[in-house]
All heavy atoms as atom14 arrays in JSON, in Angstrom:
{
  "sequence": "AGGSRSVFGPPVPYGIATHDDRRGGLPVNTEVSLR",
  "atom14_mask": [
    [1, 1, 1, 1, 1, 0, 0, 0, 0, 0, 0, 0, 0, 0],
    [1, 1, 1, 1, 0, 0, 0, 0, 0, 0, 0, 0, 0, 0],
    [1, 1, 1, 1, 0, 0, 0, 0, 0, 0, 0, 0, 0, 0],
    [1, 1, 1, 1, 1, 1, 0, 0, 0, 0, 0, 0, 0, 0],
    [1, 1, 1, 1, 1, 1, 1, 1, 1, 1, 1, 0, 0, 0],
    [1, 1, 1, 1, 1, 1, 0, 0, 0, 0, 0, 0, 0, 0],
    [1, 1, 1, 1, 1, 1, 1, 0, 0, 0, 0, 0, 0, 0],
    [1, 1, 1, 1, 1, 1, 1, 1, 1, 1, 1, 0, 0, 0],
    [1, 1, 1, 1, 0, 0, 0, 0, 0, 0, 0, 0, 0, 0],
    [1, 1, 1, 1, 1, 1, 1, 0, 0, 0, 0, 0, 0, 0],
    [1, 1, 1, 1, 1, 1, 1, 0, 0, 0, 0, 0, 0, 0],
    [1, 1, 1, 1, 1, 1, 1, 0, 0, 0, 0, 0, 0, 0],
    [1, 1, 1, 1, 1, 1, 1, 0, 0, 0, 0, 0, 0, 0],
    [1, 1, 1, 1, 1, 1, 1, 1, 1, 1, 1, 1, 0, 0],
    [1, 1, 1, 1, 0, 0, 0, 0, 0, 0, 0, 0, 0, 0],
    [1, 1, 1, 1, 1, 1, 1, 1, 0, 0, 0, 0, 0, 0],
    [1, 1, 1, 1, 1, 0, 0, 0, 0, 0, 0, 0, 0, 0],
    [1, 1, 1, 1, 1, 1, 1, 0, 0, 0, 0, 0, 0, 0],
    [1, 1, 1, 1, 1, 1, 1, 1, 1, 1, 0, 0, 0, 0],
    [1, 1, 1, 1, 1, 1, 1, 1, 0, 0, 0, 0, 0, 0],
    [1, 1, 1, 1, 1, 1, 1, 1, 0, 0, 0, 0, 0, 0],
    [1, 1, 1, 1, 1, 1, 1, 1, 1, 1, 1, 0, 0, 0],
    [1, 1, 1, 1, 1, 1, 1, 1, 1, 1, 1, 0, 0, 0],
    [1, 1, 1, 1, 0, 0, 0, 0, 0, 0, 0, 0, 0, 0],
    [1, 1, 1, 1, 0, 0, 0, 0, 0, 0, 0, 0, 0, 0],
    [1, 1, 1, 1, 1, 1, 1, 1, 0, 0, 0, 0, 0, 0],
    [1, 1, 1, 1, 1, 1, 1, 0, 0, 0, 0, 0, 0, 0],
    [1, 1, 1, 1, 1, 1, 1, 0, 0, 0, 0, 0, 0, 0],
    [1, 1, 1, 1, 1, 1, 1, 1, 0, 0, 0, 0, 0, 0],
    [1, 1, 1, 1, 1, 1, 1, 0, 0, 0, 0, 0, 0, 0],
    [1, 1, 1, 1, 1, 1, 1, 1, 1, 0, 0, 0, 0, 0],
    [1, 1, 1, 1, 1, 1, 1, 0, 0, 0, 0, 0, 0, 0],
    [1, 1, 1, 1, 1, 1, 0, 0, 0, 0, 0, 0, 0, 0],
    [1, 1, 1, 1, 1, 1, 1, 1, 0, 0, 0, 0, 0, 0],
    [1, 1, 1, 1, 1, 1, 1, 1, 1, 1, 1, 0, 0, 0]
  ],
  "atom14_positions": [
    [[-11.8, -21.33, 40.54], [-11.97, -22.77, 40.73], [-12.78, -23.01, 41.98], [-12.68, -22.29, 42.96], [-10.61, -23.43, 40.82], [0.0, 0.0, 0.0], [0.0, 0.0, 0.0], [0.0, 0.0, 0.0], [0.0, 0.0, 0.0], [0.0, 0.0, 0.0], [0.0, 0.0, 0.0], [0.0, 0.0, 0.0], [0.0, 0.0, 0.0], [0.0, 0.0, 0.0]],
    [[-13.58, -24.04, 41.99], [-14.33, -24.42, 43.18], [-15.45, -23.46, 43.51], [-15.93, -23.44, 44.63], [0.0, 0.0, 0.0], [0.0, 0.0, 0.0], [0.0, 0.0, 0.0], [0.0, 0.0, 0.0], [0.0, 0.0, 0.0], [0.0, 0.0, 0.0], [0.0, 0.0, 0.0], [0.0, 0.0, 0.0], [0.0, 0.0, 0.0], [0.0, 0.0, 0.0]],
    [[-15.87, -22.6, 42.58], [-16.98, -21.71, 42.83], [-16.59, -20.42, 43.53], [-17.42, -19.57, 43.76], [0.0, 0.0, 0.0], [0.0, 0.0, 0.0], [0.0, 0.0, 0.0], [0.0, 0.0, 0.0], [0.0, 0.0, 0.0], [0.0, 0.0, 0.0], [0.0, 0.0, 0.0], [0.0, 0.0, 0.0], [0.0, 0.0, 0.0], [0.0, 0.0, 0.0]],
    [[-15.34, -20.24, 43.9], [-14.9, -19.01, 44.55], [-14.92, -17.89, 43.54], [-14.65, -18.08, 42.37], [-13.48, -19.17, 45.08], [-13.44, -20.2, 46.01], [0.0, 0.0, 0.0], [0.0, 0.0, 0.0], [0.0, 0.0, 0.0], [0.0, 0.0, 0.0], [0.0, 0.0, 0.0], [0.0, 0.0, 0.0], [0.0, 0.0, 0.0], [0.0, 0.0, 0.0]],
    [[-15.26, -16.71, 44.0], [-15.3, -15.55, 43.13], [-14.02, -14.75, 43.27], [-13.59, -14.46, 44.37], [-16.46, -14.64, 43.52], [-17.65, -14.81, 42.68], [-18.78, -13.87, 43.0], [-18.63, -13.06, 44.19], [-18.53, -11.73, 44.17], [-18.54, -11.08, 43.05], [-18.43, -11.07, 45.28], [0.0, 0.0, 0.0], [0.0, 0.0, 0.0], [0.0, 0.0, 0.0]],
    [[-13.43, -14.4, 42.16], [-12.3, -13.5, 42.17], [-12.86, -12.09, 42.24], [-13.69, -11.71, 41.43], [-11.45, -13.66, 40.9], [-10.46, -12.68, 40.87], [0.0, 0.0, 0.0], [0.0, 0.0, 0.0], [0.0, 0.0, 0.0], [0.0, 0.0, 0.0], [0.0, 0.0, 0.0], [0.0, 0.0, 0.0], [0.0, 0.0, 0.0], [0.0, 0.0, 0.0]],
    [[-12.45, -11.34, 43.23], [-12.95, -9.99, 43.4], [-12.39, -9.08, 42.31], [-13.05, -8.22, 41.8], [-12.6, -9.46, 44.8], [-13.07, -8.03, 44.97], [-13.23, -10.34, 45.86], [0.0, 0.0, 0.0], [0.0, 0.0, 0.0], [0.0, 0.0, 0.0], [0.0, 0.0, 0.0], [0.0, 0.0, 0.0], [0.0, 0.0, 0.0], [0.0, 0.0, 0.0]],
    [[-11.14, -9.29, 41.96], [-10.51, -8.5, 40.9], [-9.98, -9.45, 39.85], [-9.4, -10.46, 40.17], [-9.34, -7.69, 41.45], [-9.75, -6.67, 42.47], [-9.55, -6.91, 43.81], [-10.35, -5.5, 42.07], [-9.94, -5.98, 44.75], [-10.74, -4.56, 43.0], [-10.54, -4.8, 44.35], [0.0, 0.0, 0.0], [0.0, 0.0, 0.0], [0.0, 0.0, 0.0]],
    [[-10.16, -9.08, 38.6], [-9.56, -9.83, 37.5], [-8.09, -9.48, 37.44], [-7.57, -8.84, 38.34], [0.0, 0.0, 0.0], [0.0, 0.0, 0.0], [0.0, 0.0, 0.0], [0.0, 0.0, 0.0], [0.0, 0.0, 0.0], [0.0, 0.0, 0.0], [0.0, 0.0, 0.0], [0.0, 0.0, 0.0], [0.0, 0.0, 0.0], [0.0, 0.0, 0.0]],
    [[-7.42, -9.86, 36.36], [-6.01, -9.5, 36.27], [-5.87, -7.99, 36.23], [-6.69, -7.31, 35.64], [-5.56, -10.13, 34.95], [-6.8, -10.35, 34.18], [-7.9, -10.55, 35.19], [0.0, 0.0, 0.0], [0.0, 0.0, 0.0], [0.0, 0.0, 0.0], [0.0, 0.0, 0.0], [0.0, 0.0, 0.0], [0.0, 0.0, 0.0], [0.0, 0.0, 0.0]],
    [[-4.86, -7.45, 36.92], [-4.69, -6.01, 36.92], [-4.37, -5.5, 35.52], [-3.69, -6.17, 34.76], [-3.51, -5.78, 37.86], [-3.03, -7.1, 38.28], [-3.88, -8.16, 37.68], [0.0, 0.0, 0.0], [0.0, 0.0, 0.0], [0.0, 0.0, 0.0], [0.0, 0.0, 0.0], [0.0, 0.0, 0.0], [0.0, 0.0, 0.0], [0.0, 0.0, 0.0]],
    [[-4.88, -4.37, 35.19], [-4.6, -3.75, 33.91], [-3.81, -2.48, 34.18], [-4.32, -1.55, 34.8], [-5.9, -3.41, 33.15], [-5.6, -2.69, 31.85], [-6.7, -4.67, 32.9], [0.0, 0.0, 0.0], [0.0, 0.0, 0.0], [0.0, 0.0, 0.0], [0.0, 0.0, 0.0], [0.0, 0.0, 0.0], [0.0, 0.0, 0.0], [0.0, 0.0, 0.0]],
    [[-2.54, -2.43, 33.76], [-1.73, -1.25, 34.04], [-2.17, -0.06, 33.19], [-2.63, -0.24, 32.07], [-0.31, -1.68, 33.69], [-0.46, -2.86, 32.81], [-1.81, -3.47, 33.08], [0.0, 0.0, 0.0], [0.0, 0.0, 0.0], [0.0, 0.0, 0.0], [0.0, 0.0, 0.0], [0.0, 0.0, 0.0], [0.0, 0.0, 0.0], [0.0, 0.0, 0.0]],
    [[-2.04, 1.12, 33.74], [-2.38, 2.34, 33.04], [-1.1, 2.99, 32.55], [-0.3, 3.45, 33.34], [-3.15, 3.29, 33.95], [-4.48, 2.72, 34.33], [-4.63, 2.01, 35.53], [-5.57, 2.84, 33.5], [-5.85, 1.47, 35.87], [-6.79, 2.29, 33.83], [-6.93, 1.62, 35.02], [-8.13, 1.08, 35.35], [0.0, 0.0, 0.0], [0.0, 0.0, 0.0]],
    [[-0.9, 3.03, 31.24], [0.28, 3.67, 30.68], [1.56, 2.9, 30.9], [2.65, 3.44, 30.74], [0.0, 0.0, 0.0], [0.0, 0.0, 0.0], [0.0, 0.0, 0.0], [0.0, 0.0, 0.0], [0.0, 0.0, 0.0], [0.0, 0.0, 0.0], [0.0, 0.0, 0.0], [0.0, 0.0, 0.0], [0.0, 0.0, 0.0], [0.0, 0.0, 0.0]],
    [[1.48, 1.63, 31.27], [2.68, 0.82, 31.5], [2.64, -0.34, 30.53], [1.62, -1.01, 30.4], [2.71, 0.27, 32.95], [2.72, 1.43, 33.94], [3.9, -0.64, 33.17], [2.55, 0.99, 35.38], [0.0, 0.0, 0.0], [0.0, 0.0, 0.0], [0.0, 0.0, 0.0], [0.0, 0.0, 0.0], [0.0, 0.0, 0.0], [0.0, 0.0, 0.0]],
    [[3.73, -0.58, 29.83], [3.79, -1.72, 28.91], [3.65, -3.0, 29.71], [4.13, -3.1, 30.83], [5.11, -1.71, 28.16], [0.0, 0.0, 0.0], [0.0, 0.0, 0.0], [0.0, 0.0, 0.0], [0.0, 0.0, 0.0], [0.0, 0.0, 0.0], [0.0, 0.0, 0.0], [0.0, 0.0, 0.0], [0.0, 0.0, 0.0], [0.0, 0.0, 0.0]],
    [[2.97, -4.01, 29.13], [2.79, -5.26, 29.84], [4.04, -6.13, 29.82], [4.1, -7.14, 30.49], [1.6, -6.06, 29.27], [1.83, -6.28, 27.89], [0.3, -5.34, 29.5], [0.0, 0.0, 0.0], [0.0, 0.0, 0.0], [0.0, 0.0, 0.0], [0.0, 0.0, 0.0], [0.0, 0.0, 0.0], [0.0, 0.0, 0.0], [0.0, 0.0, 0.0]],
    [[5.03, -5.76, 29.05], [6.32, -6.45, 29.1], [7.38, -5.56, 28.47], [7.06, -4.55, 27.84], [6.26, -7.81, 28.4], [6.04, -7.73, 26.93], [4.81, -7.46, 26.38], [6.9, -7.88, 25.9], [4.92, -7.45, 25.07], [6.16, -7.69, 24.74], [0.0, 0.0, 0.0], [0.0, 0.0, 0.0], [0.0, 0.0, 0.0], [0.0, 0.0, 0.0]],
    [[8.6, -5.91, 28.68], [9.71, -5.12, 28.16], [10.27, -5.85, 26.94], [11.01, -6.81, 27.07], [10.78, -4.97, 29.25], [11.89, -4.03, 28.85], [12.12, -3.85, 27.64], [12.54, -3.49, 29.75], [0.0, 0.0, 0.0], [0.0, 0.0, 0.0], [0.0, 0.0, 0.0], [0.0, 0.0, 0.0], [0.0, 0.0, 0.0], [0.0, 0.0, 0.0]],
    [[9.88, -5.41, 25.74], [10.29, -6.07, 24.51], [11.8, -6.09, 24.34], [12.36, -7.03, 23.81], [9.66, -5.39, 23.29], [8.17, -5.65, 23.22], [7.75, -6.75, 23.62], [7.43, -4.75, 22.8], [0.0, 0.0, 0.0], [0.0, 0.0, 0.0], [0.0, 0.0, 0.0], [0.0, 0.0, 0.0], [0.0, 0.0, 0.0], [0.0, 0.0, 0.0]],
    [[12.49, -5.04, 24.78], [13.95, -4.98, 24.61], [14.65, -6.05, 25.43], [15.67, -6.55, 25.05], [14.49, -3.62, 25.06], [14.02, -2.46, 24.21], [14.43, -1.18, 24.87], [13.91, -1.26, 26.23], [14.23, -0.45, 27.21], [15.08, 0.5, 27.03], [13.71, -0.57, 28.4], [0.0, 0.0, 0.0], [0.0, 0.0, 0.0], [0.0, 0.0, 0.0]],
    [[14.08, -6.37, 26.57], [14.75, -7.32, 27.46], [14.13, -8.7, 27.42], [14.65, -9.62, 28.03], [14.7, -6.79, 28.9], [15.46, -5.48, 29.03], [15.48, -5.05, 30.45], [16.11, -3.74, 30.57], [16.2, -3.09, 31.68], [15.7, -3.59, 32.79], [16.77, -1.91, 31.73], [0.0, 0.0, 0.0], [0.0, 0.0, 0.0], [0.0, 0.0, 0.0]],
    [[13.0, -8.85, 26.76], [12.4, -10.17, 26.62], [11.84, -10.73, 27.92], [11.89, -11.91, 28.16], [0.0, 0.0, 0.0], [0.0, 0.0, 0.0], [0.0, 0.0, 0.0], [0.0, 0.0, 0.0], [0.0, 0.0, 0.0], [0.0, 0.0, 0.0], [0.0, 0.0, 0.0], [0.0, 0.0, 0.0], [0.0, 0.0, 0.0], [0.0, 0.0, 0.0]],
    [[11.3, -9.87, 28.75], [10.79, -10.32, 30.04], [9.43, -10.98, 29.97], [8.66, -10.73, 29.04], [0.0, 0.0, 0.0], [0.0, 0.0, 0.0], [0.0, 0.0, 0.0], [0.0, 0.0, 0.0], [0.0, 0.0, 0.0], [0.0, 0.0, 0.0], [0.0, 0.0, 0.0], [0.0, 0.0, 0.0], [0.0, 0.0, 0.0], [0.0, 0.0, 0.0]],
    [[9.14, -11.84, 30.93], [7.81, -12.42, 31.09], [6.87, -11.26, 31.4], [7.16, -10.47, 32.3], [7.83, -13.44, 32.23], [6.59, -14.28, 32.46], [6.41, -15.26, 31.3], [6.71, -15.03, 33.76], [0.0, 0.0, 0.0], [0.0, 0.0, 0.0], [0.0, 0.0, 0.0], [0.0, 0.0, 0.0], [0.0, 0.0, 0.0], [0.0, 0.0, 0.0]],
    [[5.78, -11.11, 30.68], [4.93, -9.93, 30.84], [4.33, -9.77, 32.23], [4.03, -10.75, 32.91], [3.81, -10.15, 29.82], [4.33, -11.16, 28.86], [5.29, -12.0, 29.63], [0.0, 0.0, 0.0], [0.0, 0.0, 0.0], [0.0, 0.0, 0.0], [0.0, 0.0, 0.0], [0.0, 0.0, 0.0], [0.0, 0.0, 0.0], [0.0, 0.0, 0.0]],
    [[4.13, -8.53, 32.61], [3.32, -8.21, 33.79], [1.94, -8.77, 33.5], [1.51, -8.82, 32.34], [3.25, -6.67, 33.98], [2.24, -6.3, 35.06], [4.62, -6.11, 34.32], [0.0, 0.0, 0.0], [0.0, 0.0, 0.0], [0.0, 0.0, 0.0], [0.0, 0.0, 0.0], [0.0, 0.0, 0.0], [0.0, 0.0, 0.0], [0.0, 0.0, 0.0]],
    [[1.22, -9.22, 34.5], [-0.12, -9.81, 34.4], [-0.12, -11.21, 33.81], [-1.16, -11.69, 33.36], [-1.08, -8.92, 33.6], [-1.32, -7.6, 34.25], [-1.26, -7.49, 35.46], [-1.56, -6.59, 33.45], [0.0, 0.0, 0.0], [0.0, 0.0, 0.0], [0.0, 0.0, 0.0], [0.0, 0.0, 0.0], [0.0, 0.0, 0.0], [0.0, 0.0, 0.0]],
    [[1.02, -11.89, 33.81], [1.05, -13.28, 33.37], [0.31, -14.12, 34.4], [0.54, -14.01, 35.6], [2.51, -13.77, 33.24], [3.16, -13.02, 32.22], [2.56, -15.26, 32.89], [0.0, 0.0, 0.0], [0.0, 0.0, 0.0], [0.0, 0.0, 0.0], [0.0, 0.0, 0.0], [0.0, 0.0, 0.0], [0.0, 0.0, 0.0], [0.0, 0.0, 0.0]],
    [[-0.59, -14.97, 33.92], [-1.39, -15.82, 34.81], [-0.53, -16.97, 35.34], [0.2, -17.61, 34.6], [-2.58, -16.38, 34.03], [-3.53, -17.19, 34.89], [-4.72, -17.66, 34.08], [-5.63, -16.83, 33.83], [-4.73, -18.85, 33.71], [0.0, 0.0, 0.0], [0.0, 0.0, 0.0], [0.0, 0.0, 0.0], [0.0, 0.0, 0.0], [0.0, 0.0, 0.0]],
    [[-0.64, -17.21, 36.66], [0.07, -18.31, 37.32], [-0.96, -19.07, 38.14], [-1.7, -18.47, 38.93], [1.19, -17.78, 38.24], [1.94, -18.93, 38.9], [2.16, -16.88, 37.48], [0.0, 0.0, 0.0], [0.0, 0.0, 0.0], [0.0, 0.0, 0.0], [0.0, 0.0, 0.0], [0.0, 0.0, 0.0], [0.0, 0.0, 0.0], [0.0, 0.0, 0.0]],
    [[-1.04, -20.39, 37.97], [-1.96, -21.22, 38.75], [-1.28, -21.63, 40.06], [-0.17, -22.17, 40.04], [-2.37, -22.46, 37.97], [-3.11, -22.09, 36.84], [0.0, 0.0, 0.0], [0.0, 0.0, 0.0], [0.0, 0.0, 0.0], [0.0, 0.0, 0.0], [0.0, 0.0, 0.0], [0.0, 0.0, 0.0], [0.0, 0.0, 0.0], [0.0, 0.0, 0.0]],
    [[-1.98, -21.39, 41.17], [-1.46, -21.72, 42.5], [-2.43, -22.65, 43.21], [-3.64, -22.42, 43.19], [-1.28, -20.45, 43.34], [-0.35, -19.37, 42.76], [-0.39, -18.13, 43.63], [1.07, -19.9, 42.66], [0.0, 0.0, 0.0], [0.0, 0.0, 0.0], [0.0, 0.0, 0.0], [0.0, 0.0, 0.0], [0.0, 0.0, 0.0], [0.0, 0.0, 0.0]],
    [[-1.9, -23.69, 43.85], [-2.71, -24.66, 44.59], [-2.56, -24.38, 46.08], [-1.44, -24.23, 46.59], [-2.25, -26.08, 44.28], [-3.05, -27.14, 45.05], [-2.66, -28.55, 44.67], [-3.09, -28.81, 43.31], [-2.27, -29.08, 42.3], [-0.98, -29.16, 42.48], [-2.74, -29.29, 41.09], [0.0, 0.0, 0.0], [0.0, 0.0, 0.0], [0.0, 0.0, 0.0]]
  ]
}
């Protein structure tokens, strides 16, 4: 936003599930907007 450049995009885990299906967790790498 505002023309700022993000140096890194969302992290991509290597060999790690993005969420725990058994426990129903909010996935790793979930986008959150911060002001």
